[in-house]
Protein backbone atom coordinates (compact mmCIF):
# COMPACT_ATOMS: atom_id res chain seq x y z
CA UNK A 1 88.74 126.28 109.06
CA UNK A 2 88.76 122.47 108.71
CA UNK A 3 87.04 122.90 105.34
CA UNK A 4 89.88 125.06 104.01
CA UNK A 5 92.52 122.59 105.18
CA UNK A 6 90.74 119.65 103.58
CA UNK A 7 90.32 121.63 100.35
CA UNK A 8 94.05 122.41 100.37
CA UNK A 9 94.77 118.72 101.01
CA UNK A 10 92.62 117.75 98.02
CA UNK A 11 94.55 120.13 95.77
CA UNK A 12 97.97 118.98 96.99
CA UNK A 13 97.06 115.29 96.80
CA UNK A 14 95.64 115.64 93.29
CA UNK A 15 98.73 117.54 92.07
CA UNK A 16 101.13 115.01 93.60
CA UNK A 17 99.18 112.14 92.00
CA UNK A 18 99.95 113.63 88.58
CA UNK A 19 96.87 115.71 87.81
CA UNK A 20 97.46 119.02 86.06
CA UNK A 21 96.44 122.37 87.51
CA UNK A 22 93.80 122.59 84.79
CA UNK A 23 92.37 119.15 85.71
CA UNK A 24 92.28 120.01 89.42
CA UNK A 25 90.61 123.36 88.79
CA UNK A 26 87.99 121.75 86.57
CA UNK A 27 87.28 118.93 89.04
CA UNK A 28 87.01 121.26 92.06
CA UNK A 29 85.22 123.96 90.06
CA UNK A 30 87.70 126.71 90.95
CA UNK A 31 90.09 128.85 88.95
CA UNK A 32 93.52 127.64 87.89
CA UNK A 33 95.08 130.62 89.68
CA UNK A 34 93.53 129.48 92.96
CA UNK A 35 95.01 126.02 92.51
CA UNK A 36 98.44 127.46 91.69
CA UNK A 37 98.43 129.86 94.67
CA UNK A 38 97.41 127.02 97.00
CA UNK A 39 100.27 124.87 95.75
CA UNK A 40 102.75 127.73 96.11
CA UNK A 41 101.54 128.42 99.66
CA UNK A 42 102.21 124.76 100.50
CA UNK A 43 105.75 124.95 99.09
CA UNK A 44 105.00 122.60 96.19
CA UNK A 45 107.54 122.84 93.36
CA UNK A 46 106.23 123.33 89.85
CA UNK A 47 106.77 120.55 87.35
CA UNK A 48 109.05 121.07 84.37
CA UNK A 49 107.05 122.42 81.43
CA UNK A 50 108.20 119.63 79.12
CA UNK A 51 106.89 116.86 81.37
CA UNK A 52 103.90 115.23 79.69
CA UNK A 53 100.61 114.65 81.42
CA UNK A 54 99.98 111.17 82.70
CA UNK A 55 98.18 108.91 80.28
CA UNK A 56 97.31 105.96 82.50
CA UNK A 57 94.04 105.36 84.32
CA UNK A 58 94.62 103.82 87.75
CA UNK A 59 91.54 102.15 89.21
CA UNK A 60 90.09 103.61 92.40
CA UNK A 61 88.99 100.25 93.85
CA UNK A 62 91.61 99.53 96.55
CA UNK A 63 91.19 95.75 96.27
CA UNK A 64 91.95 95.97 92.56
CA UNK A 65 94.95 98.25 93.17
CA UNK A 66 96.16 95.78 95.80
CA UNK A 67 95.89 92.92 93.29
CA UNK A 68 97.86 94.90 90.69
CA UNK A 69 100.45 95.74 93.36
CA UNK A 70 100.80 92.01 94.06
CA UNK A 71 101.44 91.36 90.38
CA UNK A 72 104.09 94.09 90.34
CA UNK A 73 105.64 92.89 93.61
CA UNK A 74 105.93 89.31 92.31
CA UNK A 75 106.56 89.68 88.58
CA UNK A 76 107.47 93.31 87.95
CA UNK A 77 110.26 95.82 88.18
CA UNK A 78 111.08 99.50 87.94
CA UNK A 79 114.20 100.67 86.09
CA UNK A 80 116.03 103.97 85.68
CA UNK A 81 118.89 105.04 83.48
CA UNK A 82 120.73 108.32 83.35
CA UNK A 83 121.68 109.46 79.87
CA UNK A 84 124.94 111.40 80.23
CA UNK A 85 123.55 113.34 83.20
CA UNK A 86 121.08 115.23 80.99
CA UNK A 87 117.95 113.10 81.20
CA UNK A 88 116.54 110.19 83.13
CA UNK A 89 114.78 107.31 81.45
CA UNK A 90 112.44 105.11 83.45
CA UNK A 91 110.00 102.28 83.09
CA UNK A 92 107.81 100.05 85.23
CA UNK A 93 106.91 96.59 83.95
CA UNK A 94 104.94 93.47 84.82
CA UNK A 95 105.83 90.16 83.12
CA UNK A 96 103.52 87.17 82.72
CA UNK A 97 102.74 84.33 80.32
CA UNK A 98 98.97 84.73 80.74
CA UNK A 99 97.80 86.69 77.68
CA UNK A 100 94.44 87.57 79.27
CA UNK A 101 96.17 89.08 82.31
CA UNK A 102 98.61 91.22 80.30
CA UNK A 103 95.86 92.43 77.95
CA UNK A 104 93.62 93.19 80.95
CA UNK A 105 96.33 95.42 82.45
CA UNK A 106 96.65 97.30 79.16
CA UNK A 107 92.88 97.74 78.84
CA UNK A 108 92.38 98.72 82.49
CA UNK A 109 95.35 101.05 83.02
CA UNK A 110 96.92 101.79 79.63
CA UNK A 111 100.59 101.36 78.86
CA UNK A 112 102.32 99.21 76.27
CA UNK A 113 102.36 95.45 75.72
CA UNK A 114 105.04 93.41 73.96
CA UNK A 115 105.21 89.64 73.47
CA UNK A 116 108.48 87.69 73.33
CA UNK A 117 107.90 84.74 71.02
CA UNK A 118 111.59 83.98 70.33
CA UNK A 119 111.83 82.04 73.59
CA UNK A 120 108.88 79.93 72.49
CA UNK A 121 110.56 79.00 69.22
CA UNK A 122 113.97 78.27 70.78
CA UNK A 123 113.00 76.56 74.02
CA UNK A 124 109.36 75.56 73.62
CA UNK A 125 108.31 77.99 76.37
CA UNK A 126 105.09 79.95 76.55
CA UNK A 127 105.27 83.45 75.05
CA UNK A 128 106.22 86.04 77.70
CA UNK A 129 104.09 89.17 77.81
CA UNK A 130 105.46 92.44 79.14
CA UNK A 131 103.16 95.26 80.23
CA UNK A 132 105.21 98.46 80.50
CA UNK A 133 104.86 102.14 81.39
CA UNK A 134 107.54 104.48 80.04
CA UNK A 135 106.50 108.06 80.80
CA UNK A 136 107.86 109.44 84.06
CA UNK A 137 104.48 110.79 85.12
CA UNK A 138 102.80 107.44 84.39
CA UNK A 139 105.44 105.46 86.29
CA UNK A 140 105.18 107.87 89.24
CA UNK A 141 101.36 107.68 89.32
CA UNK A 142 101.49 103.89 89.14
CA UNK A 143 104.07 103.56 91.92
CA UNK A 144 102.20 106.02 94.16
CA UNK A 145 99.03 104.00 93.76
CA UNK A 146 100.57 100.59 94.47
CA UNK A 147 103.18 101.64 97.08
CA UNK A 148 100.97 101.04 100.16
CA UNK A 149 100.52 97.40 99.10
CA UNK A 150 104.12 96.60 98.11
CA UNK A 151 106.10 94.21 100.34
CA UNK A 152 109.03 92.67 98.43
CA UNK A 153 109.93 95.70 96.30
CA UNK A 154 109.18 98.29 99.01
CA UNK A 155 112.73 99.74 99.12
CA UNK A 156 112.98 100.02 95.32
CA UNK A 157 109.51 101.59 95.12
CA UNK A 158 110.27 104.16 97.83
CA UNK A 159 113.65 104.98 96.20
CA UNK A 160 111.96 105.49 92.83
CA UNK A 161 109.30 107.76 94.34
CA UNK A 162 111.99 109.78 96.15
CA UNK A 163 113.86 110.21 92.86
CA UNK A 164 110.69 111.33 91.10
CA UNK A 165 110.07 113.86 93.86
CA UNK A 166 113.64 115.16 93.74
CA UNK A 167 113.96 115.41 89.95
CA UNK A 168 110.41 116.16 88.83
CA UNK A 169 108.62 117.38 91.95
CA UNK A 170 106.00 114.65 91.45
């Protein structure tokens, strides 16, 4: 019986981390119907059909995830906006002037990078790089991965994850 429970836990954990039913079924070498029935039996809500699959690749090395969480905790933020009550926009960002660091995040995880050079021209400052995730599923997967390591932004991270769970069932 312990084997069945752990198998169910694997399915639920994978689904809540943003994997699709198809990805879970392929990884566990079972049918998609079995994955779906397991999720239903556990009371897991289905995701909206229009919600895109996650596109980021979070590392599995916990020390590396902890380092990334520290970057987010010190120099990052998560933002939400509600567009007329019909949709929710979100993003998670990390800001830094070290080009190698920002490009490393993009290469390692994915996401988007923008550089603000106007500040350099006006004030003589270093260019500010911004690494950003925009897709709800990506932001949720990122926050779930770094949440155990967050200290300063713990309340904001937990509130964001609760909102994702409420609105998207992620």
